[in-house]
Amino acid sequence: MRGDEADTRLPWRIFWAAFLVRVLYITLAHTFRFRLTDEHFQFGWEAGRIARALATGHGYADPFGNSFLGHTGATAWLPPLYPLLVAGVFKVFGVYTAASAWVLLVINSALSAATVLAIWEIAVRCFSRRNAVWSAWLWALYPAAMQYAVRWIWEMTLTTAIFTWVIVLALRMRDVDRDVIYAAESDPKRTLLWAIFGLLWGAIALANSTLLLFLPVCGLWILMGTWGRPHALRNAVLGGLVFLVSIAPWEARNFNVFHTFIPLRGNLGAEMYMGNGPGSNGFLMTYEHPNESPKQFRLYAELGEVRYVRMRGDLAKAYIRAHPAHFVKDSLKRVYFFWFGVPSVSRWTVEIPRRLNFGFITLAGLMGLGLALHRRIPGAGMMAWAFLLLPVSYYLVTAGARFRHPLEPLMTILGVYLFQSAAPRYRDTKSESGMASPIAR
């Protein structure tokens, strides 16, 4: 990396500020003390239950229920990456202990802070150093950006960090470098970057497979911009093979256990029913979830996971076929919920500011994206595909505020770009002295 020493130190200073703020909040606000109701179910929900089963010698199993209801057997309800992380912490610090909660939230905080470094590089490569400074500090200190890291034992922070670094990697691989700050990669290093690309996408698949809709577009975007380089196709094939190898053990385990192909997670049919079955209105019918419904839990335990999910999926498909207009109406509601927030039963003094904040970030990010596309900013097209594809599954099944989190680093950068474009421009020393590099857009 070339540039002033300050340009290498400042993002790391923001990283440490972000990390320390999050850890202090966790410790002083006691967010690591989860409710004891239903045997700590809010401590990681299904991921926590699976981690408990792993830590206590029952294997990757038992995503629901409690010790009084007994074991329900093997599961593929969730991909394995985050439950395995939780299980590792449980083995060292105890199952459902305050120490384990604190450690897991600190890990979340480190991942959220690492996203600062990715935000910095994306902003510098595509926009400007000034954008990078503002975007990184916003992510470091804005409460909405840190809420999942300091309160939720779930995969959002992990997935967001990996996904944001995938965007960085894609920009590096296409040599997107607006102000010639970063050196172009050598051919041997490009081969390594493709391998890392495949590995990171494998990690995403094993954490939150919903994001995989963007994988083909991201890979093609890189390949189209590097086609004339030596071994471009060979390197892309290598990345694909690394991806397949990284998910192969999980796929083999599922086939060996369930004797059927399960594409990374096995709960789609059940979720489809809870989002689109009789009585659906755009919200997830959690009262039909095995977590909350004793009847559904008994059905799940009696049928086994594969048969239960298939049965619920068949019911959902039949209802959608019989009521297509209802499905479209619910899906349109979920589009709104994804971008402007799911209504809650909170007091209006809490709900109105929350919804305004959520909607403001959406509008700023989308308008910034539109401006970046209009000005042909390098990398803006790839970002637009991410905005287009990542929410699709949620539109069709269920929508929640946390599902937008992987896009929020990009929304932060694009929102800052929008407002900096509207303000008088004070060009930093780099943009005054450096010529923009010719970039394939």
Protein backbone atom coordinates (compact mmCIF):
# COMPACT_ATOMS: atom_id res chain seq x y z
CA MET A 1 0.00 0.00 0.00
CA ARG A 2 1.30 3.44 -0.91
CA GLY A 3 0.37 6.75 0.67
CA ASP A 4 1.07 8.83 3.73
CA GLU A 5 1.71 7.14 7.04
CA ALA A 6 -1.47 8.75 8.38
CA ASP A 7 -3.48 6.93 5.73
CA THR A 8 -2.31 3.59 7.14
CA ARG A 9 -2.68 4.50 10.81
CA LEU A 10 -6.02 6.32 10.84
CA PRO A 11 -8.22 3.35 9.83
CA TRP A 12 -6.58 1.25 12.52
CA ARG A 13 -7.21 3.97 15.09
CA ILE A 14 -10.87 4.00 14.07
CA PHE A 15 -10.90 0.20 14.32
CA TRP A 16 -9.64 0.31 17.91
CA ALA A 17 -12.07 3.08 18.81
CA ALA A 18 -14.95 1.02 17.39
CA PHE A 19 -13.85 -2.10 19.22
CA LEU A 20 -13.34 -0.39 22.58
CA VAL A 21 -16.66 1.48 22.40
CA ARG A 22 -18.49 -1.78 21.78
CA VAL A 23 -16.71 -3.72 24.52
CA LEU A 24 -17.26 -0.94 27.02
CA TYR A 25 -20.94 -0.82 26.19
CA ILE A 26 -21.30 -4.60 26.54
CA THR A 27 -19.53 -4.53 29.89
CA LEU A 28 -21.11 -1.42 31.43
CA ALA A 29 -24.65 -1.94 30.10
CA HIS A 30 -24.56 -5.65 31.01
CA THR A 31 -25.90 -6.68 27.61
CA PHE A 32 -24.19 -10.03 28.15
CA ARG A 33 -26.78 -10.91 30.79
CA PHE A 34 -29.57 -12.58 28.84
CA ARG A 35 -32.98 -13.46 30.21
CA LEU A 36 -33.22 -16.77 32.01
CA THR A 37 -36.69 -17.60 30.66
CA ASP A 38 -37.16 -20.81 28.67
CA GLU A 39 -33.69 -22.02 29.60
CA HIS A 40 -31.82 -19.05 28.09
CA PHE A 41 -33.46 -19.40 24.68
CA GLN A 42 -32.74 -15.72 23.89
CA PHE A 43 -29.07 -16.62 24.28
CA GLY A 44 -28.56 -17.45 20.62
CA TRP A 45 -32.00 -18.94 19.93
CA GLU A 46 -31.62 -21.99 17.64
CA ALA A 47 -27.87 -21.38 17.29
CA GLY A 48 -27.53 -21.48 21.08
CA ARG A 49 -29.55 -24.69 21.32
CA ILE A 50 -27.44 -26.40 18.65
CA ALA A 51 -24.27 -25.15 20.33
CA ARG A 52 -25.47 -26.59 23.65
CA ALA A 53 -26.05 -29.96 21.97
CA LEU A 54 -22.56 -29.86 20.46
CA ALA A 55 -20.92 -28.83 23.72
CA THR A 56 -22.71 -31.55 25.70
CA GLY A 57 -21.92 -34.39 23.30
CA HIS A 58 -25.19 -34.71 21.36
CA GLY A 59 -23.81 -33.56 18.02
CA TYR A 60 -25.24 -30.99 15.64
CA ALA A 61 -28.80 -31.40 16.89
CA ASP A 62 -31.74 -30.16 18.97
CA PRO A 63 -32.45 -26.63 17.65
CA PHE A 64 -35.62 -26.21 19.75
CA GLY A 65 -37.16 -27.08 23.06
CA ASN A 66 -35.53 -27.47 26.43
CA SER A 67 -34.12 -30.20 28.63
CA PHE A 68 -37.60 -31.27 29.79
CA LEU A 69 -38.74 -32.03 26.24
CA GLY A 70 -35.78 -34.24 25.40
CA HIS A 71 -33.68 -34.52 22.27
CA THR A 72 -35.11 -34.24 18.76
CA GLY A 73 -32.07 -35.47 16.85
CA ALA A 74 -29.85 -34.18 14.08
CA THR A 75 -30.59 -30.89 12.38
CA ALA A 76 -29.70 -28.80 9.36
CA TRP A 77 -32.03 -25.96 10.39
CA LEU A 78 -29.08 -23.55 10.44
CA PRO A 79 -25.78 -23.56 8.53
CA PRO A 80 -22.94 -24.61 10.82
CA LEU A 81 -20.46 -21.75 11.03
CA TYR A 82 -21.97 -19.64 13.80
CA PRO A 83 -23.34 -22.52 15.93
CA LEU A 84 -19.87 -24.09 15.82
CA LEU A 85 -18.35 -20.80 17.01
CA VAL A 86 -20.85 -20.61 19.89
CA ALA A 87 -20.19 -24.26 20.76
CA GLY A 88 -16.44 -23.62 20.92
CA VAL A 89 -17.01 -20.77 23.37
CA PHE A 90 -19.40 -22.96 25.41
CA LYS A 91 -16.73 -25.66 25.70
CA VAL A 92 -14.26 -23.18 27.18
CA PHE A 93 -16.45 -20.78 29.19
CA GLY A 94 -19.52 -22.87 29.95
CA VAL A 95 -22.96 -23.43 28.44
CA TYR A 96 -25.21 -20.36 28.67
CA THR A 97 -22.92 -18.63 31.15
CA ALA A 98 -22.43 -14.88 31.45
CA ALA A 99 -18.74 -15.39 30.61
CA SER A 100 -19.65 -17.14 27.35
CA ALA A 101 -22.10 -14.37 26.47
CA TRP A 102 -19.47 -11.69 27.11
CA VAL A 103 -16.85 -13.50 25.01
CA LEU A 104 -19.26 -14.02 22.10
CA LEU A 105 -20.33 -10.38 22.10
CA VAL A 106 -16.68 -9.31 22.22
CA ILE A 107 -16.04 -11.52 19.18
CA ASN A 108 -19.00 -9.83 17.51
CA SER A 109 -17.46 -6.48 18.40
CA ALA A 110 -14.13 -7.42 16.84
CA LEU A 111 -15.92 -8.45 13.64
CA SER A 112 -17.96 -5.24 13.60
CA ALA A 113 -14.80 -3.19 14.15
CA ALA A 114 -13.01 -5.11 11.38
CA THR A 115 -15.80 -3.96 9.07
CA VAL A 116 -14.44 -0.43 9.62
CA LEU A 117 -11.25 -1.39 7.77
CA ALA A 118 -13.26 -2.80 4.86
CA ILE A 119 -15.45 0.32 4.74
CA TRP A 120 -12.33 2.49 4.64
CA GLU A 121 -10.85 0.62 1.69
CA ILE A 122 -14.11 0.52 -0.30
CA ALA A 123 -14.61 4.25 0.23
CA VAL A 124 -11.04 5.16 -0.73
CA ARG A 125 -11.02 2.94 -3.80
CA CYS A 126 -14.42 4.07 -5.11
CA PHE A 127 -14.89 7.60 -3.74
CA SER A 128 -12.36 9.55 -1.69
CA ARG A 129 -10.33 9.63 1.49
CA ARG A 130 -12.77 12.17 2.91
CA ASN A 131 -15.62 9.73 2.35
CA ALA A 132 -13.56 6.98 3.99
CA VAL A 133 -12.96 9.06 7.13
CA TRP A 134 -16.62 9.93 7.60
CA SER A 135 -17.93 6.47 6.70
CA ALA A 136 -15.49 4.67 8.99
CA TRP A 137 -16.23 6.94 11.95
CA LEU A 138 -19.98 6.61 11.39
CA TRP A 139 -19.73 2.84 11.46
CA ALA A 140 -17.50 2.98 14.50
CA LEU A 141 -19.72 5.21 16.64
CA TYR A 142 -23.28 5.23 15.28
CA PRO A 143 -25.50 3.19 17.65
CA ALA A 144 -27.53 1.56 14.86
CA ALA A 145 -24.34 0.19 13.30
CA MET A 146 -23.26 -1.54 16.51
CA GLN A 147 -26.60 -2.80 17.86
CA TYR A 148 -26.27 -6.37 16.58
CA ALA A 149 -22.67 -6.68 17.72
CA VAL A 150 -23.40 -5.72 21.32
CA ARG A 151 -26.81 -7.34 21.86
CA TRP A 152 -27.35 -10.30 19.53
CA ILE A 153 -25.72 -13.72 19.65
CA TRP A 154 -26.49 -14.51 16.02
CA GLU A 155 -24.65 -14.51 12.71
CA MET A 156 -25.42 -10.99 11.39
CA THR A 157 -22.17 -9.38 12.50
CA LEU A 158 -20.08 -12.28 11.20
CA THR A 159 -21.89 -12.36 7.86
CA THR A 160 -21.68 -8.60 7.44
CA ALA A 161 -17.95 -8.54 8.10
CA ILE A 162 -17.23 -11.34 5.62
CA PHE A 163 -19.53 -9.90 2.96
CA THR A 164 -17.99 -6.43 3.22
CA TRP A 165 -14.51 -7.90 2.85
CA VAL A 166 -15.71 -9.81 -0.23
CA ILE A 167 -16.58 -6.43 -1.76
CA VAL A 168 -13.08 -5.20 -0.90
CA LEU A 169 -11.58 -8.28 -2.50
CA ALA A 170 -13.64 -7.83 -5.66
CA LEU A 171 -12.44 -4.23 -5.98
CA ARG A 172 -8.83 -5.29 -5.48
CA MET A 173 -9.13 -8.02 -8.09
CA ARG A 174 -10.43 -5.55 -10.69
CA ASP A 175 -7.86 -2.92 -9.68
CA VAL A 176 -10.57 -0.38 -8.84
CA ASP A 177 -8.43 2.41 -7.43
CA ARG A 178 -9.81 5.90 -7.87
CA ASP A 179 -6.79 7.88 -6.68
CA VAL A 180 -3.91 5.45 -7.33
CA ILE A 181 -3.37 4.74 -3.65
CA TYR A 182 -3.07 0.96 -3.90
CA ALA A 183 -0.57 -0.90 -6.03
CA ALA A 184 -1.92 -3.20 -8.73
CA GLU A 185 -1.79 -6.89 -7.85
CA SER A 186 0.78 -9.19 -9.48
CA ASP A 187 -0.42 -12.23 -11.42
CA PRO A 188 0.61 -14.79 -8.74
CA LYS A 189 -1.22 -12.74 -6.15
CA ARG A 190 -4.33 -12.66 -8.33
CA THR A 191 -4.40 -16.46 -8.18
CA LEU A 192 -4.25 -16.27 -4.39
CA LEU A 193 -7.01 -13.64 -4.33
CA TRP A 194 -9.32 -15.91 -6.33
CA ALA A 195 -8.68 -18.70 -3.83
CA ILE A 196 -9.46 -16.35 -0.93
CA PHE A 197 -12.56 -15.20 -2.82
CA GLY A 198 -13.83 -18.78 -2.98
CA LEU A 199 -12.98 -19.36 0.68
CA LEU A 200 -14.82 -16.23 1.86
CA TRP A 201 -17.89 -17.15 -0.15
CA GLY A 202 -17.73 -20.61 1.38
CA ALA A 203 -17.75 -18.98 4.82
CA ILE A 204 -20.77 -16.88 3.81
CA ALA A 205 -22.57 -20.01 2.57
CA LEU A 206 -21.93 -21.70 5.92
CA ALA A 207 -23.07 -18.63 7.88
CA ASN A 208 -26.01 -17.22 5.90
CA SER A 209 -26.60 -18.93 2.58
CA THR A 210 -29.25 -16.36 1.58
CA LEU A 211 -26.48 -14.06 0.35
CA LEU A 212 -25.36 -16.60 -2.27
CA LEU A 213 -27.68 -15.05 -4.87
CA PHE A 214 -24.99 -12.39 -5.30
CA LEU A 215 -22.10 -14.82 -5.76
CA PRO A 216 -22.46 -15.47 -9.54
CA VAL A 217 -22.82 -11.75 -10.30
CA CYS A 218 -19.85 -10.83 -8.14
CA GLY A 219 -17.66 -13.48 -9.72
CA LEU A 220 -18.70 -12.53 -13.26
CA TRP A 221 -18.11 -8.84 -12.53
CA ILE A 222 -14.52 -9.61 -11.53
CA LEU A 223 -13.97 -11.96 -14.47
CA MET A 224 -15.33 -9.49 -17.03
CA GLY A 225 -12.94 -6.82 -15.80
CA THR A 226 -9.90 -9.12 -15.79
CA TRP A 227 -10.59 -11.23 -18.87
CA GLY A 228 -7.57 -9.98 -20.79
CA ARG A 229 -5.10 -10.91 -18.04
CA PRO A 230 -3.10 -14.16 -18.03
CA HIS A 231 -4.90 -17.20 -16.58
CA ALA A 232 -8.09 -15.21 -15.81
CA LEU A 233 -10.46 -18.11 -16.48
CA ARG A 234 -8.20 -20.62 -14.74
CA ASN A 235 -8.11 -18.44 -11.62
CA ALA A 236 -11.89 -18.05 -11.63
CA VAL A 237 -12.31 -21.82 -11.87
CA LEU A 238 -9.89 -22.17 -8.95
CA GLY A 239 -12.06 -19.81 -6.89
CA GLY A 240 -15.13 -21.88 -7.72
CA LEU A 241 -13.39 -25.10 -6.73
CA VAL A 242 -12.25 -23.63 -3.41
CA PHE A 243 -15.84 -22.57 -2.73
CA LEU A 244 -17.18 -26.06 -3.48
CA VAL A 245 -14.50 -27.76 -1.39
CA SER A 246 -15.22 -25.47 1.57
CA ILE A 247 -18.92 -26.42 1.67
CA ALA A 248 -18.45 -30.09 0.72
CA PRO A 249 -17.99 -31.46 4.27
CA TRP A 250 -21.28 -29.91 5.40
CA GLU A 251 -23.13 -31.20 2.34
CA ALA A 252 -21.64 -34.67 2.84
CA ARG A 253 -22.64 -34.66 6.50
CA ASN A 254 -26.22 -33.72 5.64
CA PHE A 255 -26.54 -36.40 2.99
CA ASN A 256 -25.03 -39.01 5.30
CA VAL A 257 -27.38 -38.06 8.16
CA PHE A 258 -30.62 -37.30 6.31
CA HIS A 259 -30.12 -39.40 3.12
CA THR A 260 -31.24 -36.51 0.95
CA PHE A 261 -29.68 -33.43 -0.59
CA ILE A 262 -30.04 -30.36 1.64
CA PRO A 263 -28.79 -27.10 0.10
CA LEU A 264 -26.83 -25.72 3.08
CA ARG A 265 -29.82 -25.26 5.40
CA GLY A 266 -32.95 -27.31 5.79
CA ASN A 267 -35.65 -24.97 7.09
CA LEU A 268 -36.94 -23.27 3.93
CA GLY A 269 -40.28 -25.09 3.77
CA ALA A 270 -41.10 -24.29 7.40
CA GLU A 271 -40.14 -20.64 7.00
CA MET A 272 -42.13 -20.42 3.77
CA TYR A 273 -45.24 -21.64 5.57
CA MET A 274 -44.79 -19.22 8.48
CA GLY A 275 -44.43 -16.38 6.01
CA ASN A 276 -47.09 -17.34 3.46
CA GLY A 277 -49.46 -19.90 4.95
CA PRO A 278 -53.11 -19.40 5.97
CA GLY A 279 -53.42 -16.32 8.16
CA SER A 280 -50.25 -14.69 6.84
CA ASN A 281 -50.21 -10.90 6.57
CA GLY A 282 -46.63 -10.04 5.67
CA PHE A 283 -45.27 -10.76 9.14
CA LEU A 284 -43.71 -14.06 10.19
CA MET A 285 -46.28 -16.19 11.97
CA THR A 286 -44.01 -17.03 14.90
CA TYR A 287 -46.91 -18.66 16.72
CA GLU A 288 -46.57 -21.46 14.13
CA HIS A 289 -42.88 -21.94 14.91
CA PRO A 290 -41.70 -25.06 16.80
CA ASN A 291 -40.04 -22.65 19.22
CA GLU A 292 -43.40 -21.25 20.34
CA SER A 293 -46.04 -23.80 19.38
CA PRO A 294 -46.13 -27.05 21.41
CA LYS A 295 -48.19 -28.60 18.61
CA GLN A 296 -45.58 -27.75 15.98
CA PHE A 297 -42.76 -28.91 18.25
CA ARG A 298 -44.48 -32.30 18.68
CA LEU A 299 -44.97 -32.58 14.93
CA TYR A 300 -41.30 -31.70 14.36
CA ALA A 301 -40.18 -34.30 16.90
CA GLU A 302 -42.51 -37.02 15.55
CA LEU A 303 -41.89 -36.52 11.83
CA GLY A 304 -38.23 -35.60 11.97
CA GLU A 305 -36.82 -32.43 10.49
CA VAL A 306 -36.78 -33.42 6.82
CA ARG A 307 -40.36 -34.71 6.71
CA TYR A 308 -41.64 -31.85 8.84
CA VAL A 309 -40.06 -29.17 6.65
CA ARG A 310 -41.23 -30.88 3.47
CA MET A 311 -44.78 -31.12 4.82
CA ARG A 312 -44.88 -27.45 5.79
CA GLY A 313 -43.35 -26.44 2.48
CA ASP A 314 -45.95 -28.40 0.54
CA LEU A 315 -48.74 -26.70 2.51
CA ALA A 316 -47.19 -23.29 1.80
CA LYS A 317 -46.89 -23.96 -1.94
CA ALA A 318 -50.47 -25.17 -2.12
CA TYR A 319 -51.74 -22.06 -0.34
CA ILE A 320 -49.68 -19.75 -2.57
CA ARG A 321 -51.01 -21.46 -5.71
CA ALA A 322 -54.56 -21.10 -4.44
CA HIS A 323 -54.12 -17.46 -3.37
CA PRO A 324 -51.52 -15.82 -5.68
CA ALA A 325 -52.84 -12.30 -5.10
CA HIS A 326 -52.46 -12.75 -1.35
CA PHE A 327 -48.85 -13.90 -1.83
CA VAL A 328 -48.07 -10.85 -3.99
CA LYS A 329 -49.64 -8.53 -1.42
CA ASP A 330 -47.60 -10.07 1.41
CA SER A 331 -44.43 -9.93 -0.67
CA LEU A 332 -44.93 -6.21 -1.37
CA LYS A 333 -45.34 -5.64 2.36
CA ARG A 334 -42.07 -7.45 2.95
CA VAL A 335 -40.33 -5.24 0.40
CA TYR A 336 -41.44 -2.26 2.47
CA PHE A 337 -40.47 -3.96 5.75
CA PHE A 338 -36.98 -4.77 4.45
CA TRP A 339 -36.17 -1.20 3.50
CA PHE A 340 -38.23 0.82 5.98
CA GLY A 341 -38.53 -1.42 9.01
CA VAL A 342 -40.99 -3.91 10.45
CA PRO A 343 -43.62 -2.23 12.66
CA SER A 344 -43.37 -3.18 16.33
CA VAL A 345 -45.49 -2.77 19.45
CA SER A 346 -43.02 -0.38 21.07
CA ARG A 347 -44.22 2.96 22.45
CA TRP A 348 -44.55 5.66 19.82
CA THR A 349 -41.71 7.62 21.46
CA VAL A 350 -39.44 4.69 20.58
CA GLU A 351 -41.12 3.41 17.43
CA ILE A 352 -41.29 6.68 15.46
CA PRO A 353 -37.58 7.59 15.89
CA ARG A 354 -36.61 3.99 15.11
CA ARG A 355 -38.62 3.94 11.88
CA LEU A 356 -37.41 7.39 10.83
CA ASN A 357 -33.80 6.38 11.41
CA PHE A 358 -34.22 3.11 9.52
CA GLY A 359 -35.95 4.78 6.58
CA PHE A 360 -33.47 7.67 6.47
CA ILE A 361 -30.52 5.28 6.14
CA THR A 362 -32.33 3.43 3.35
CA LEU A 363 -33.16 6.58 1.40
CA ALA A 364 -29.67 8.04 1.81
CA GLY A 365 -28.05 4.77 0.71
CA LEU A 366 -30.31 4.27 -2.31
CA MET A 367 -30.03 7.89 -3.43
CA GLY A 368 -26.26 7.71 -3.02
CA LEU A 369 -26.22 4.56 -5.11
CA GLY A 370 -28.30 6.26 -7.81
CA LEU A 371 -25.88 9.19 -7.88
CA ALA A 372 -22.87 6.87 -8.03
CA LEU A 373 -24.40 5.00 -10.97
CA HIS A 374 -25.20 8.25 -12.74
CA ARG A 375 -21.61 9.44 -12.32
CA ARG A 376 -20.23 6.04 -13.34
CA ILE A 377 -18.32 5.57 -10.12
CA PRO A 378 -16.09 2.46 -10.34
CA GLY A 379 -17.71 -0.44 -8.52
CA ALA A 380 -21.17 1.18 -8.33
CA GLY A 381 -22.64 -1.37 -10.73
CA MET A 382 -21.52 -4.26 -8.55
CA MET A 383 -22.99 -2.55 -5.48
CA ALA A 384 -26.29 -2.08 -7.33
CA TRP A 385 -26.47 -5.83 -7.98
CA ALA A 386 -25.91 -6.47 -4.28
CA PHE A 387 -28.81 -4.14 -3.40
CA LEU A 388 -30.97 -5.87 -6.00
CA LEU A 389 -30.23 -9.52 -5.16
CA LEU A 390 -29.56 -9.81 -1.44
CA PRO A 391 -33.14 -8.98 -0.34
CA VAL A 392 -34.96 -11.23 -2.87
CA SER A 393 -35.34 -14.28 -0.60
CA TYR A 394 -36.57 -12.09 2.24
CA TYR A 395 -39.21 -10.51 0.00
CA LEU A 396 -40.62 -13.99 -0.66
CA VAL A 397 -40.42 -15.50 2.83
CA THR A 398 -39.94 -13.11 5.73
CA ALA A 399 -38.38 -9.72 6.40
CA GLY A 400 -36.73 -8.26 9.49
CA ALA A 401 -34.48 -5.34 10.32
CA ARG A 402 -31.46 -7.58 10.88
CA PHE A 403 -31.63 -8.98 7.34
CA ARG A 404 -30.56 -5.60 5.94
CA HIS A 405 -27.38 -5.50 8.03
CA PRO A 406 -24.99 -6.96 5.39
CA LEU A 407 -25.88 -4.06 3.09
CA GLU A 408 -25.49 -1.37 5.75
CA PRO A 409 -21.71 -0.83 5.33
CA LEU A 410 -22.34 -0.01 1.66
CA MET A 411 -25.33 2.14 2.63
CA THR A 412 -23.10 4.07 5.03
CA ILE A 413 -20.54 4.79 2.32
CA LEU A 414 -23.18 5.71 -0.25
CA GLY A 415 -25.09 7.91 2.20
CA VAL A 416 -21.91 9.82 3.01
CA TYR A 417 -21.21 10.15 -0.71
CA LEU A 418 -24.68 11.62 -1.27
CA PHE A 419 -24.29 14.32 1.37
CA GLN A 420 -20.70 15.12 0.49
CA SER A 421 -21.75 15.53 -3.14
CA ALA A 422 -24.43 18.02 -2.08
CA ALA A 423 -21.93 20.06 -0.03
CA PRO A 424 -19.16 22.29 -1.39
CA ARG A 425 -16.22 20.15 -2.40
CA TYR A 426 -12.95 20.53 -0.59
CA ARG A 427 -10.61 18.18 -2.38
CA ASP A 428 -8.02 16.50 -0.22
CA THR A 429 -4.35 16.55 -1.12
CA LYS A 430 -4.52 13.16 -2.80
CA SER A 431 -7.25 14.07 -5.23
CA GLU A 432 -5.54 17.39 -5.98
CA SER A 433 -2.18 15.89 -6.73
CA GLY A 434 -3.11 12.48 -8.11
CA MET A 435 -4.63 11.58 -11.45
CA ALA A 436 -7.47 9.05 -11.38
CA SER A 437 -6.40 5.71 -12.78
CA PRO A 438 -8.12 4.34 -15.87
CA ILE A 439 -10.58 1.79 -14.51
CA ALA A 440 -12.79 -0.70 -16.30
CA ARG A 441 -16.27 0.08 -15.11
